[in-house]
Amino acid sequence: MISLISPLEAQKSIAKKLKEHRLQHNLTQEGLSKRSGVPVATLRKFEREGIISLESLVKLMMVLGVLDRALKAVEVTHTFQTIDEVIKKEMKPKRKRGRIS
């Protein structure tokens, strides 16, 4: 799937949404910095420009309670390319195993 949004626009959008979460939690930048371990300067730059390391982003998301949703959003789902793939998937026999008594 092709996105029509640029990486920089996406970064800024994520930064804006996380800033909204921060404000909803009634946290200052300093407060979020202390709770997450992300330096205040890094947080300010992120909220202003959308630039941050993945590790720092994950820390912020953990504190703001949105990490689980982000992980869910990047889960891999199987998509079929042809009807033959659907049929082949449905025809696979399920393995059965006995128990040792």
PDB file of N, CA and C in Angstrom:
ATOM      1  N   MET A   1       0.845  -1.177   0.000  1.00  0.00           N
ATOM      2  CA  MET A   1       0.000   0.000   0.000  1.00  0.00           C
ATOM      3  C   MET A   1       0.891   1.241   0.000  1.00  0.00           C
ATOM      4  N   ILE A   2       0.583   2.168  -0.839  1.00  0.00           N
ATOM      5  CA  ILE A   2       1.374   3.387  -0.964  1.00  0.00           C
ATOM      6  C   ILE A   2       0.699   4.502  -0.178  1.00  0.00           C
ATOM      7  N   SER A   3       1.506   5.222   0.588  1.00  0.00           N
ATOM      8  CA  SER A   3       0.991   6.359   1.347  1.00  0.00           C
ATOM      9  C   SER A   3       1.337   7.644   0.621  1.00  0.00           C
ATOM     10  N   LEU A   4       0.427   8.581   0.670  1.00  0.00           N
ATOM     11  CA  LEU A   4       0.660   9.859   0.003  1.00  0.00           C
ATOM     12  C   LEU A   4       1.220  10.904   0.954  1.00  0.00           C
ATOM     13  N   ILE A   5       1.525  10.510   2.167  1.00  0.00           N
ATOM     14  CA  ILE A   5       2.088  11.425   3.150  1.00  0.00           C
ATOM     15  C   ILE A   5       3.609  11.227   3.174  1.00  0.00           C
ATOM     16  N   SER A   6       4.338  12.308   3.289  1.00  0.00           N
ATOM     17  CA  SER A   6       5.800  12.200   3.314  1.00  0.00           C
ATOM     18  C   SER A   6       6.257  11.750   4.697  1.00  0.00           C
ATOM     19  N   PRO A   7       7.451  11.187   4.795  1.00  0.00           N
ATOM     20  CA  PRO A   7       7.961  10.781   6.105  1.00  0.00           C
ATOM     21  C   PRO A   7       7.990  11.940   7.104  1.00  0.00           C
ATOM     22  N   LEU A   8       8.393  13.113   6.668  1.00  0.00           N
ATOM     23  CA  LEU A   8       8.453  14.259   7.571  1.00  0.00           C
ATOM     24  C   LEU A   8       7.055  14.653   8.058  1.00  0.00           C
ATOM     25  N   GLU A   9       6.083  14.624   7.160  1.00  0.00           N
ATOM     26  CA  GLU A   9       4.704  14.922   7.562  1.00  0.00           C
ATOM     27  C   GLU A   9       4.200  13.899   8.575  1.00  0.00           C
ATOM     28  N   ALA A  10       4.542  12.638   8.363  1.00  0.00           N
ATOM     29  CA  ALA A  10       4.138  11.585   9.292  1.00  0.00           C
ATOM     30  C   ALA A  10       4.785  11.803  10.657  1.00  0.00           C
ATOM     31  N   GLN A  11       6.070  12.130  10.668  1.00  0.00           N
ATOM     32  CA  GLN A  11       6.779  12.382  11.922  1.00  0.00           C
ATOM     33  C   GLN A  11       6.143  13.540  12.678  1.00  0.00           C
ATOM     34  N   LYS A  12       5.835  14.616  11.975  1.00  0.00           N
ATOM     35  CA  LYS A  12       5.220  15.777  12.620  1.00  0.00           C
ATOM     36  C   LYS A  12       3.825  15.447  13.140  1.00  0.00           C
ATOM     37  N   SER A  13       3.088  14.634  12.403  1.00  0.00           N
ATOM     38  CA  SER A  13       1.757  14.225  12.836  1.00  0.00           C
ATOM     39  C   SER A  13       1.826  13.373  14.106  1.00  0.00           C
ATOM     40  N   ILE A  14       2.776  12.461  14.146  1.00  0.00           N
ATOM     41  CA  ILE A  14       2.971  11.625  15.342  1.00  0.00           C
ATOM     42  C   ILE A  14       3.360  12.500  16.523  1.00  0.00           C
ATOM     43  N   ALA A  15       4.256  13.449  16.296  1.00  0.00           N
ATOM     44  CA  ALA A  15       4.688  14.358  17.357  1.00  0.00           C
ATOM     45  C   ALA A  15       3.506  15.157  17.893  1.00  0.00           C
ATOM     46  N   LYS A  16       2.665  15.646  16.986  1.00  0.00           N
ATOM     47  CA  LYS A  16       1.499  16.436  17.393  1.00  0.00           C
ATOM     48  C   LYS A  16       0.538  15.597  18.228  1.00  0.00           C
ATOM     49  N   LYS A  17       0.300  14.367  17.802  1.00  0.00           N
ATOM     50  CA  LYS A  17      -0.622  13.490  18.530  1.00  0.00           C
ATOM     51  C   LYS A  17      -0.072  13.118  19.906  1.00  0.00           C
ATOM     52  N   LEU A  18       1.226  12.870  19.993  1.00  0.00           N
ATOM     53  CA  LEU A  18       1.802  12.544  21.297  1.00  0.00           C
ATOM     54  C   LEU A  18       1.808  13.762  22.216  1.00  0.00           C
ATOM     55  N   LYS A  19       1.977  14.942  21.648  1.00  0.00           N
ATOM     56  CA  LYS A  19       1.883  16.159  22.455  1.00  0.00           C
ATOM     57  C   LYS A  19       0.467  16.292  23.023  1.00  0.00           C
ATOM     58  N   GLU A  20      -0.544  15.982  22.205  1.00  0.00           N
ATOM     59  CA  GLU A  20      -1.929  16.012  22.681  1.00  0.00           C
ATOM     60  C   GLU A  20      -2.135  15.017  23.828  1.00  0.00           C
ATOM     61  N   HIS A  21      -1.541  13.823  23.697  1.00  0.00           N
ATOM     62  CA  HIS A  21      -1.624  12.834  24.787  1.00  0.00           C
ATOM     63  C   HIS A  21      -0.948  13.369  26.046  1.00  0.00           C
ATOM     64  N   ARG A  22       0.202  14.001  25.875  1.00  0.00           N
ATOM     65  CA  ARG A  22       0.926  14.574  27.019  1.00  0.00           C
ATOM     66  C   ARG A  22       0.044  15.589  27.743  1.00  0.00           C
ATOM     67  N   LEU A  23      -0.595  16.445  26.978  1.00  0.00           N
ATOM     68  CA  LEU A  23      -1.447  17.475  27.566  1.00  0.00           C
ATOM     69  C   LEU A  23      -2.692  16.868  28.216  1.00  0.00           C
ATOM     70  N   GLN A  24      -3.237  15.815  27.615  1.00  0.00           N
ATOM     71  CA  GLN A  24      -4.384  15.125  28.212  1.00  0.00           C
ATOM     72  C   GLN A  24      -4.018  14.511  29.561  1.00  0.00           C
ATOM     73  N   HIS A  25      -2.771  14.067  29.678  1.00  0.00           N
ATOM     74  CA  HIS A  25      -2.282  13.501  30.944  1.00  0.00           C
ATOM     75  C   HIS A  25      -1.844  14.599  31.916  1.00  0.00           C
ATOM     76  N   ASN A  26      -2.041  15.852  31.490  1.00  0.00           N
ATOM     77  CA  ASN A  26      -1.688  17.009  32.317  1.00  0.00           C
ATOM     78  C   ASN A  26      -0.206  16.997  32.701  1.00  0.00           C
ATOM     79  N   LEU A  27       0.632  16.637  31.742  1.00  0.00           N
ATOM     80  CA  LEU A  27       2.071  16.584  31.974  1.00  0.00           C
ATOM     81  C   LEU A  27       2.767  17.738  31.254  1.00  0.00           C
ATOM     82  N   THR A  28       3.733  18.316  31.917  1.00  0.00           N
ATOM     83  CA  THR A  28       4.611  19.286  31.269  1.00  0.00           C
ATOM     84  C   THR A  28       5.670  18.504  30.506  1.00  0.00           C
ATOM     85  N   GLN A  29       6.416  19.197  29.669  1.00  0.00           N
ATOM     86  CA  GLN A  29       7.536  18.533  28.992  1.00  0.00           C
ATOM     87  C   GLN A  29       8.523  18.007  30.027  1.00  0.00           C
ATOM     88  N   GLU A  30       8.757  18.772  31.063  1.00  0.00           N
ATOM     89  CA  GLU A  30       9.690  18.359  32.118  1.00  0.00           C
ATOM     90  C   GLU A  30       9.169  17.116  32.840  1.00  0.00           C
ATOM     91  N   GLY A  31       7.867  17.088  33.109  1.00  0.00           N
ATOM     92  CA  GLY A  31       7.266  15.930  33.784  1.00  0.00           C
ATOM     93  C   GLY A  31       7.364  14.671  32.950  1.00  0.00           C
ATOM     94  N   LEU A  32       7.062  14.783  31.661  1.00  0.00           N
ATOM     95  CA  LEU A  32       7.165  13.624  30.772  1.00  0.00           C
ATOM     96  C   LEU A  32       8.619  13.191  30.638  1.00  0.00           C
ATOM     97  N   SER A  33       9.510  14.154  30.605  1.00  0.00           N
ATOM     98  CA  SER A  33      10.928  13.850  30.521  1.00  0.00           C
ATOM     99  C   SER A  33      11.382  13.027  31.724  1.00  0.00           C
ATOM    100  N   LYS A  34      10.979  13.439  32.911  1.00  0.00           N
ATOM    101  CA  LYS A  34      11.369  12.706  34.129  1.00  0.00           C
ATOM    102  C   LYS A  34      10.802  11.296  34.140  1.00  0.00           C
ATOM    103  N   ARG A  35       9.547  11.159  33.755  1.00  0.00           N
ATOM    104  CA  ARG A  35       8.904   9.835  33.788  1.00  0.00           C
ATOM    105  C   ARG A  35       9.459   8.884  32.727  1.00  0.00           C
ATOM    106  N   SER A  36       9.838   9.436  31.584  1.00  0.00           N
ATOM    107  CA  SER A  36      10.268   8.583  30.469  1.00  0.00           C
ATOM    108  C   SER A  36      11.779   8.382  30.394  1.00  0.00           C
ATOM    109  N   GLY A  37      12.528   9.316  30.968  1.00  0.00           N
ATOM    110  CA  GLY A  37      13.978   9.243  30.842  1.00  0.00           C
ATOM    111  C   GLY A  37      14.487   9.873  29.551  1.00  0.00           C
ATOM    112  N   VAL A  38      13.596  10.487  28.798  1.00  0.00           N
ATOM    113  CA  VAL A  38      13.973  11.173  27.561  1.00  0.00           C
ATOM    114  C   VAL A  38      14.326  12.613  27.926  1.00  0.00           C
ATOM    115  N   PRO A  39      15.517  13.082  27.561  1.00  0.00           N
ATOM    116  CA  PRO A  39      15.907  14.455  27.906  1.00  0.00           C
ATOM    117  C   PRO A  39      14.894  15.493  27.409  1.00  0.00           C
ATOM    118  N   VAL A  40      14.722  16.547  28.182  1.00  0.00           N
ATOM    119  CA  VAL A  40      13.783  17.615  27.823  1.00  0.00           C
ATOM    120  C   VAL A  40      14.109  18.188  26.445  1.00  0.00           C
ATOM    121  N   ALA A  41      15.380  18.395  26.165  1.00  0.00           N
ATOM    122  CA  ALA A  41      15.774  18.955  24.861  1.00  0.00           C
ATOM    123  C   ALA A  41      15.320  18.048  23.718  1.00  0.00           C
ATOM    124  N   THR A  42      15.432  16.756  23.906  1.00  0.00           N
ATOM    125  CA  THR A  42      14.997  15.787  22.892  1.00  0.00           C
ATOM    126  C   THR A  42      13.492  15.865  22.704  1.00  0.00           C
ATOM    127  N   LEU A  43      12.764  15.948  23.818  1.00  0.00           N
ATOM    128  CA  LEU A  43      11.309  16.040  23.758  1.00  0.00           C
ATOM    129  C   LEU A  43      10.868  17.333  23.068  1.00  0.00           C
ATOM    130  N   ARG A  44      11.515  18.421  23.385  1.00  0.00           N
ATOM    131  CA  ARG A  44      11.172  19.706  22.748  1.00  0.00           C
ATOM    132  C   ARG A  44      11.403  19.643  21.236  1.00  0.00           C
ATOM    133  N   LYS A  45      12.554  19.089  20.844  1.00  0.00           N
ATOM    134  CA  LYS A  45      12.866  18.978  19.416  1.00  0.00           C
ATOM    135  C   LYS A  45      11.843  18.078  18.720  1.00  0.00           C
ATOM    136  N   PHE A  46      11.467  17.015  19.387  1.00  0.00           N
ATOM    137  CA  PHE A  46      10.476  16.102  18.819  1.00  0.00           C
ATOM    138  C   PHE A  46       9.142  16.810  18.617  1.00  0.00           C
ATOM    139  N   GLU A  47       8.667  17.508  19.628  1.00  0.00           N
ATOM    140  CA  GLU A  47       7.380  18.186  19.503  1.00  0.00           C
ATOM    141  C   GLU A  47       7.418  19.313  18.479  1.00  0.00           C
ATOM    142  N   ARG A  48       8.566  19.906  18.281  1.00  0.00           N
ATOM    143  CA  ARG A  48       8.714  21.013  17.343  1.00  0.00           C
ATOM    144  C   ARG A  48       8.954  20.525  15.905  1.00  0.00           C
ATOM    145  N   GLU A  49       9.835  19.519  15.749  1.00  0.00           N
ATOM    146  CA  GLU A  49      10.269  19.110  14.408  1.00  0.00           C
ATOM    147  C   GLU A  49       9.879  17.687  14.016  1.00  0.00           C
ATOM    148  N   GLY A  50       9.463  16.883  14.989  1.00  0.00           N
ATOM    149  CA  GLY A  50       9.105  15.496  14.703  1.00  0.00           C
ATOM    150  C   GLY A  50      10.299  14.561  14.645  1.00  0.00           C
ATOM    151  N   ILE A  51      11.461  15.018  15.100  1.00  0.00           N
ATOM    152  CA  ILE A  51      12.682  14.209  15.016  1.00  0.00           C
ATOM    153  C   ILE A  51      13.001  13.608  16.380  1.00  0.00           C
ATOM    154  N   ILE A  52      13.174  12.274  16.404  1.00  0.00           N
ATOM    155  CA  ILE A  52      13.458  11.567  17.652  1.00  0.00           C
ATOM    156  C   ILE A  52      13.957  10.165  17.310  1.00  0.00           C
ATOM    157  N   SER A  53      14.722   9.572  18.219  1.00  0.00           N
ATOM    158  CA  SER A  53      15.169   8.189  17.991  1.00  0.00           C
ATOM    159  C   SER A  53      14.008   7.240  18.294  1.00  0.00           C
ATOM    160  N   LEU A  54      14.076   6.061  17.732  1.00  0.00           N
ATOM    161  CA  LEU A  54      13.037   5.060  17.971  1.00  0.00           C
ATOM    162  C   LEU A  54      12.962   4.714  19.457  1.00  0.00           C
ATOM    163  N   GLU A  55      14.110   4.561  20.099  1.00  0.00           N
ATOM    164  CA  GLU A  55      14.136   4.218  21.523  1.00  0.00           C
ATOM    165  C   GLU A  55      13.423   5.281  22.361  1.00  0.00           C
ATOM    166  N   SER A  56      13.701   6.545  22.094  1.00  0.00           N
ATOM    167  CA  SER A  56      13.050   7.622  22.835  1.00  0.00           C
ATOM    168  C   SER A  56      11.558   7.668  22.544  1.00  0.00           C
ATOM    169  N   LEU A  57      11.184   7.435  21.302  1.00  0.00           N
ATOM    170  CA  LEU A  57       9.771   7.409  20.942  1.00  0.00           C
ATOM    171  C   LEU A  57       9.039   6.316  21.712  1.00  0.00           C
ATOM    172  N   VAL A  58       9.637   5.143  21.780  1.00  0.00           N
ATOM    173  CA  VAL A  58       9.030   4.034  22.507  1.00  0.00           C
ATOM    174  C   VAL A  58       8.873   4.389  23.988  1.00  0.00           C
ATOM    175  N   LYS A  59       9.883   5.014  24.583  1.00  0.00           N
ATOM    176  CA  LYS A  59       9.797   5.418  25.989  1.00  0.00           C
ATOM    177  C   LYS A  59       8.643   6.384  26.216  1.00  0.00           C
ATOM    178  N   LEU A  60       8.492   7.359  25.326  1.00  0.00           N
ATOM    179  CA  LEU A  60       7.396   8.321  25.456  1.00  0.00           C
ATOM    180  C   LEU A  60       6.048   7.622  25.325  1.00  0.00           C
ATOM    181  N   MET A  61       5.942   6.727  24.355  1.00  0.00           N
ATOM    182  CA  MET A  61       4.688   6.018  24.136  1.00  0.00           C
ATOM    183  C   MET A  61       4.326   5.137  25.329  1.00  0.00           C
ATOM    184  N   MET A  62       5.330   4.548  25.957  1.00  0.00           N
ATOM    185  CA  MET A  62       5.076   3.725  27.150  1.00  0.00           C
ATOM    186  C   MET A  62       4.452   4.570  28.242  1.00  0.00           C
ATOM    187  N   VAL A  63       5.059   5.715  28.523  1.00  0.00           N
ATOM    188  CA  VAL A  63       4.583   6.581  29.599  1.00  0.00           C
ATOM    189  C   VAL A  63       3.189   7.130  29.283  1.00  0.00           C
ATOM    190  N   LEU A  64       2.941   7.429  28.027  1.00  0.00           N
ATOM    191  CA  LEU A  64       1.655   8.011  27.639  1.00  0.00           C
ATOM    192  C   LEU A  64       0.564   6.960  27.412  1.00  0.00           C
ATOM    193  N   GLY A  65       0.929   5.689  27.522  1.00  0.00           N
ATOM    194  CA  GLY A  65      -0.058   4.615  27.432  1.00  0.00           C
ATOM    195  C   GLY A  65      -0.545   4.290  26.035  1.00  0.00           C
ATOM    196  N   VAL A  66       0.272   4.572  25.029  1.00  0.00           N
ATOM    197  CA  VAL A  66      -0.152   4.303  23.653  1.00  0.00           C
ATOM    198  C   VAL A  66       0.728   3.268  22.950  1.00  0.00           C
ATOM    199  N   LEU A  67       1.670   2.689  23.658  1.00  0.00           N
ATOM    200  CA  LEU A  67       2.583   1.739  23.024  1.00  0.00           C
ATOM    201  C   LEU A  67       1.853   0.492  22.530  1.00  0.00           C
ATOM    202  N   ASP A  68       0.927  -0.023  23.322  1.00  0.00           N
ATOM    203  CA  ASP A  68       0.203  -1.228  22.901  1.00  0.00           C
ATOM    204  C   ASP A  68      -0.560  -1.002  21.602  1.00  0.00           C
ATOM    205  N   ARG A  69      -1.169   0.171  21.451  1.00  0.00           N
ATOM    206  CA  ARG A  69      -1.896   0.478  20.215  1.00  0.00           C
ATOM    207  C   ARG A  69      -0.935   0.595  19.036  1.00  0.00           C
ATOM    208  N   ALA A  70       0.236   1.169  19.279  1.00  0.00           N
ATOM    209  CA  ALA A  70       1.222   1.305  18.202  1.00  0.00           C
ATOM    210  C   ALA A  70       1.717  -0.071  17.762  1.00  0.00           C
ATOM    211  N   LEU A  71       1.950  -0.947  18.723  1.00  0.00           N
ATOM    212  CA  LEU A  71       2.397  -2.303  18.381  1.00  0.00           C
ATOM    213  C   LEU A  71       1.316  -3.044  17.608  1.00  0.00           C
ATOM    214  N   LYS A  72       0.075  -2.843  17.999  1.00  0.00           N
ATOM    215  CA  LYS A  72      -1.044  -3.477  17.297  1.00  0.00           C
ATOM    216  C   LYS A  72      -1.124  -2.972  15.857  1.00  0.00           C
ATOM    217  N   ALA A  73      -0.835  -1.688  15.666  1.00  0.00           N
ATOM    218  CA  ALA A  73      -0.918  -1.085  14.336  1.00  0.00           C
ATOM    219  C   ALA A  73       0.116  -1.648  13.373  1.00  0.00           C
ATOM    220  N   VAL A  74       1.223  -2.157  13.885  1.00  0.00           N
ATOM    221  CA  VAL A  74       2.267  -2.671  12.991  1.00  0.00           C
ATOM    222  C   VAL A  74       2.304  -4.202  12.941  1.00  0.00           C
ATOM    223  N   GLU A  75       1.260  -4.837  13.482  1.00  0.00           N
ATOM    224  CA  GLU A  75       1.191  -6.293  13.405  1.00  0.00           C
ATOM    225  C   GLU A  75       1.074  -6.737  11.950  1.00  0.00           C
ATOM    226  N   VAL A  76       1.677  -7.854  11.655  1.00  0.00           N
ATOM    227  CA  VAL A  76       1.621  -8.408  10.304  1.00  0.00           C
ATOM    228  C   VAL A  76       0.347  -9.226  10.168  1.00  0.00           C
ATOM    229  N   THR A  77      -0.402  -8.931   9.127  1.00  0.00           N
ATOM    230  CA  THR A  77      -1.587  -9.730   8.820  1.00  0.00           C
ATOM    231  C   THR A  77      -1.364 -10.358   7.460  1.00  0.00           C
ATOM    232  N   HIS A  78      -1.842 -11.558   7.308  1.00  0.00           N
ATOM    233  CA  HIS A  78      -1.645 -12.247   6.033  1.00  0.00           C
ATOM    234  C   HIS A  78      -2.661 -11.750   5.024  1.00  0.00           C
ATOM    235  N   THR A  79      -2.185 -11.385   3.876  1.00  0.00           N
ATOM    236  CA  THR A  79      -3.077 -11.017   2.778  1.00  0.00           C
ATOM    237  C   THR A  79      -2.832 -11.978   1.634  1.00  0.00           C
ATOM    238  N   PHE A  80      -3.890 -12.355   1.000  1.00  0.00           N
ATOM    239  CA  PHE A  80      -3.810 -13.291  -0.115  1.00  0.00           C
ATOM    240  C   PHE A  80      -3.694 -12.516  -1.414  1.00  0.00           C
ATOM    241  N   GLN A  81      -2.857 -13.043  -2.304  1.00  0.00           N
ATOM    242  CA  GLN A  81      -2.675 -12.421  -3.619  1.00  0.00           C
ATOM    243  C   GLN A  81      -3.576 -13.057  -4.671  1.00  0.00           C
ATOM    244  N   THR A  82      -3.876 -14.352  -4.486  1.00  0.00           N
ATOM    245  CA  THR A  82      -4.702 -15.058  -5.471  1.00  0.00           C
ATOM    246  C   THR A  82      -5.704 -15.944  -4.750  1.00  0.00           C
ATOM    247  N   ILE A  83      -6.726 -16.369  -5.457  1.00  0.00           N
ATOM    248  CA  ILE A  83      -7.715 -17.297  -4.904  1.00  0.00           C
ATOM    249  C   ILE A  83      -7.066 -18.651  -4.608  1.00  0.00           C
ATOM    250  N   ASP A  84      -6.037 -19.017  -5.388  1.00  0.00           N
ATOM    251  CA  ASP A  84      -5.329 -20.272  -5.150  1.00  0.00           C
ATOM    252  C   ASP A  84      -4.674 -20.287  -3.765  1.00  0.00           C
ATOM    253  N   GLU A  85      -4.166 -19.144  -3.327  1.00  0.00           N
ATOM    254  CA  GLU A  85      -3.568 -19.062  -1.995  1.00  0.00           C
ATOM    255  C   GLU A  85      -4.625 -19.283  -0.920  1.00  0.00           C
ATOM    256  N   VAL A  86      -5.816 -18.777  -1.124  1.00  0.00           N
ATOM    257  CA  VAL A  86      -6.914 -18.963  -0.162  1.00  0.00           C
ATOM    258  C   VAL A  86      -7.274 -20.438  -0.075  1.00  0.00           C
ATOM    259  N   ILE A  87      -7.433 -21.054  -1.217  1.00  0.00           N
ATOM    260  CA  ILE A  87      -7.803 -22.475  -1.260  1.00  0.00           C
ATOM    261  C   ILE A  87      -6.714 -23.326  -0.625  1.00  0.00           C
ATOM    262  N   LYS A  88      -5.480 -23.052  -0.954  1.00  0.00           N
ATOM    263  CA  LYS A  88      -4.357 -23.811  -0.396  1.00  0.00           C
ATOM    264  C   LYS A  88      -4.308 -23.680   1.124  1.00  0.00           C
ATOM    265  N   LYS A  89      -4.549 -22.488   1.631  1.00  0.00           N
ATOM    266  CA  LYS A  89      -4.543 -22.253   3.079  1.00  0.00           C
ATOM    267  C   LYS A  89      -5.651 -23.051   3.760  1.00  0.00           C
ATOM    268  N   GLU A  90      -6.841 -23.077   3.156  1.00  0.00           N
ATOM    269  CA  GLU A  90      -7.979 -23.779   3.736  1.00  0.00           C
ATOM    270  C   GLU A  90      -7.823 -25.292   3.683  1.00  0.00           C
ATOM    271  N   MET A  91      -7.037 -25.805   2.737  1.00  0.00           N
ATOM    272  CA  MET A  91      -6.904 -27.242   2.557  1.00  0.00           C
ATOM    273  C   MET A  91      -5.836 -27.872   3.437  1.00  0.00           C
ATOM    274  N   LYS A  92      -5.034 -27.071   4.110  1.00  0.00           N
ATOM    275  CA  LYS A  92      -3.980 -27.643   4.946  1.00  0.00           C
ATOM    276  C   LYS A  92      -4.604 -28.423   6.092  1.00  0.00           C
ATOM    277  N   PRO A  93      -4.181 -29.693   6.239  1.00  0.00           N
ATOM    278  CA  PRO A  93      -4.732 -30.475   7.359  1.00  0.00           C
ATOM    279  C   PRO A  93      -4.175 -29.963   8.685  1.00  0.00           C
ATOM    280  N   LYS A  94      -5.026 -30.017   9.695  1.00  0.00           N
ATOM    281  CA  LYS A  94      -4.588 -29.586  11.015  1.00  0.00           C
ATOM    282  C   LYS A  94      -3.902 -30.759  11.690  1.00  0.00           C
ATOM    283  N   ARG A  95      -2.767 -30.481  12.318  1.00  0.00           N
ATOM    284  CA  ARG A  95      -2.009 -31.524  13.004  1.00  0.00           C
ATOM    285  C   ARG A  95      -2.724 -31.901  14.293  1.00  0.00           C
ATOM    286  N   LYS A  96      -2.730 -33.171  14.541  1.00  0.00           N
ATOM    287  CA  LYS A  96      -3.323 -33.665  15.779  1.00  0.00           C
ATOM    288  C   LYS A  96      -2.232 -34.390  16.550  1.00  0.00           C
ATOM    289  N   ARG A  97      -2.243 -34.192  17.830  1.00  0.00           N
ATOM    290  CA  ARG A  97      -1.267 -34.862  18.679  1.00  0.00           C
ATOM    291  C   ARG A  97      -1.986 -35.512  19.847  1.00  0.00           C
ATOM    292  N   GLY A  98      -1.501 -36.680  20.193  1.00  0.00           N
ATOM    293  CA  GLY A  98      -2.074 -37.368  21.344  1.00  0.00           C
ATOM    294  C   GLY A  98      -1.369 -36.935  22.628  1.00  0.00           C
ATOM    295  N   ARG A  99      -1.993 -37.251  23.719  1.00  0.00           N
ATOM    296  CA  ARG A  99      -1.426 -36.946  25.027  1.00  0.00           C
ATOM    297  C   ARG A  99      -0.807 -38.187  25.645  1.00  0.00           C
ATOM    298  N   ILE A 100       0.193 -37.958  26.416  1.00  0.00           N
ATOM    299  CA  ILE A 100       0.794 -39.051  27.193  1.00  0.00           C
ATOM    300  C   ILE A 100       0.043 -39.104  28.509  1.00  0.00           C
ATOM    301  N   SER A 101      -0.508 -40.262  28.810  1.00  0.00           N
ATOM    302  CA  SER A 101      -1.311 -40.386  30.037  1.00  0.00           C
ATOM    303  C   SER A 101      -0.450 -40.711  31.221  1.00  0.00           C
TER     304      SER A 101
END
